[in-house]
Amino acid sequence: WPSIYVSIDVIVNQETPPHLDKVSAPSLLDLVVSLGTHDAQFHISDLCSIFGYQPGTMIYLAGKLLHHSVPKWEKGERIALA
């Protein structure tokens, strides 16, 4: 199907270390969608911010410019579309 995104990654039950998105354009926002049954948090270290990342959460961010991560969570299954 047609999409405005260059790629879609599916991340299943993986911690995501702090990183910058290599493929993203600095002038565009990336979309990350959280699915599953987990209780994870979404960290944006450049902003010293931690956000709730429950299933159903959608986060838009400048992934090429802001270091972001999802550390280990306590329970549940995590699926992320990024």
Protein backbone atom coordinates (compact mmCIF):
# COMPACT_ATOMS: atom_id res chain seq x y z
CA TRP A 1 0.00 0.00 0.00
CA PRO A 2 1.19 3.59 -0.50
CA SER A 3 2.97 5.11 2.49
CA ILE A 4 4.70 8.37 3.33
CA TYR A 5 7.30 6.37 5.29
CA VAL A 6 10.49 4.94 3.79
CA SER A 7 10.37 1.81 5.96
CA ILE A 8 8.44 0.17 8.77
CA ASP A 9 10.25 -1.80 11.49
CA VAL A 10 8.47 -4.35 13.67
CA ILE A 11 10.14 -4.75 17.07
CA VAL A 12 8.99 -7.65 19.27
CA ASN A 13 10.01 -8.03 22.93
CA GLN A 14 13.34 -6.23 22.48
CA GLU A 15 14.89 -3.55 24.63
CA THR A 16 15.88 -0.63 22.44
CA PRO A 17 19.19 1.00 23.47
CA PRO A 18 19.64 4.76 23.10
CA HIS A 19 20.03 5.57 19.40
CA LEU A 20 19.33 7.95 16.55
CA ASP A 21 17.35 6.81 13.51
CA LYS A 22 19.77 6.62 10.56
CA VAL A 23 17.24 6.55 7.72
CA SER A 24 15.03 9.40 8.92
CA ALA A 25 15.08 12.92 7.53
CA PRO A 26 15.99 15.59 10.11
CA SER A 27 13.07 17.77 8.99
CA LEU A 28 10.42 15.04 9.41
CA LEU A 29 8.87 13.29 12.42
CA ASP A 30 8.97 9.53 12.92
CA LEU A 31 5.97 7.62 14.27
CA VAL A 32 6.36 4.85 16.86
CA VAL A 33 3.29 2.80 17.83
CA SER A 34 3.19 0.63 20.95
CA LEU A 35 1.16 -2.61 20.97
CA GLY A 36 0.95 -5.63 23.28
CA THR A 37 0.45 -6.09 27.05
CA HIS A 38 3.60 -4.46 28.49
CA ASP A 39 4.31 -1.68 31.01
CA ALA A 40 7.32 -0.12 29.23
CA GLN A 41 8.59 3.47 29.24
CA PHE A 42 9.90 5.56 26.34
CA HIS A 43 13.02 7.62 27.10
CA ILE A 44 14.23 10.68 25.17
CA SER A 45 17.59 11.27 26.80
CA ASP A 46 18.36 14.52 24.95
CA LEU A 47 15.29 16.05 26.61
CA CYS A 48 15.83 14.25 29.96
CA SER A 49 12.28 12.91 29.53
CA ILE A 50 10.53 9.63 30.31
CA PHE A 51 7.07 8.93 28.92
CA GLY A 52 4.52 6.22 29.64
CA TYR A 53 4.53 3.79 26.72
CA GLN A 54 1.47 1.65 27.32
CA PRO A 55 -0.14 -0.32 24.49
CA GLY A 56 -1.96 2.04 22.16
CA THR A 57 0.55 4.87 22.63
CA MET A 58 1.67 6.73 19.50
CA ILE A 59 4.77 8.92 19.66
CA TYR A 60 5.95 11.32 16.97
CA LEU A 61 9.55 12.46 17.34
CA ALA A 62 12.51 13.73 15.36
CA GLY A 63 14.27 10.37 15.61
CA LYS A 64 17.30 11.47 13.62
CA LEU A 65 17.94 14.33 16.06
CA LEU A 66 16.85 13.00 19.48
CA HIS A 67 18.42 9.97 21.22
CA HIS A 68 15.60 7.68 22.29
CA SER A 69 15.25 4.23 23.88
CA VAL A 70 12.95 1.70 25.52
CA PRO A 71 14.69 0.01 28.48
CA LYS A 72 13.76 -3.35 29.99
CA TRP A 73 10.20 -3.53 31.30
CA GLU A 74 8.79 -5.68 34.12
CA LYS A 75 5.97 -7.66 32.50
CA GLY A 76 4.07 -8.32 29.32
CA GLU A 77 4.72 -8.55 25.61
CA ARG A 78 5.85 -5.53 23.58
CA ILE A 79 5.31 -5.02 19.88
CA ALA A 80 6.37 -1.72 18.36
CA LEU A 81 5.85 -0.42 14.85
CA ALA A 82 8.46 2.19 14.01
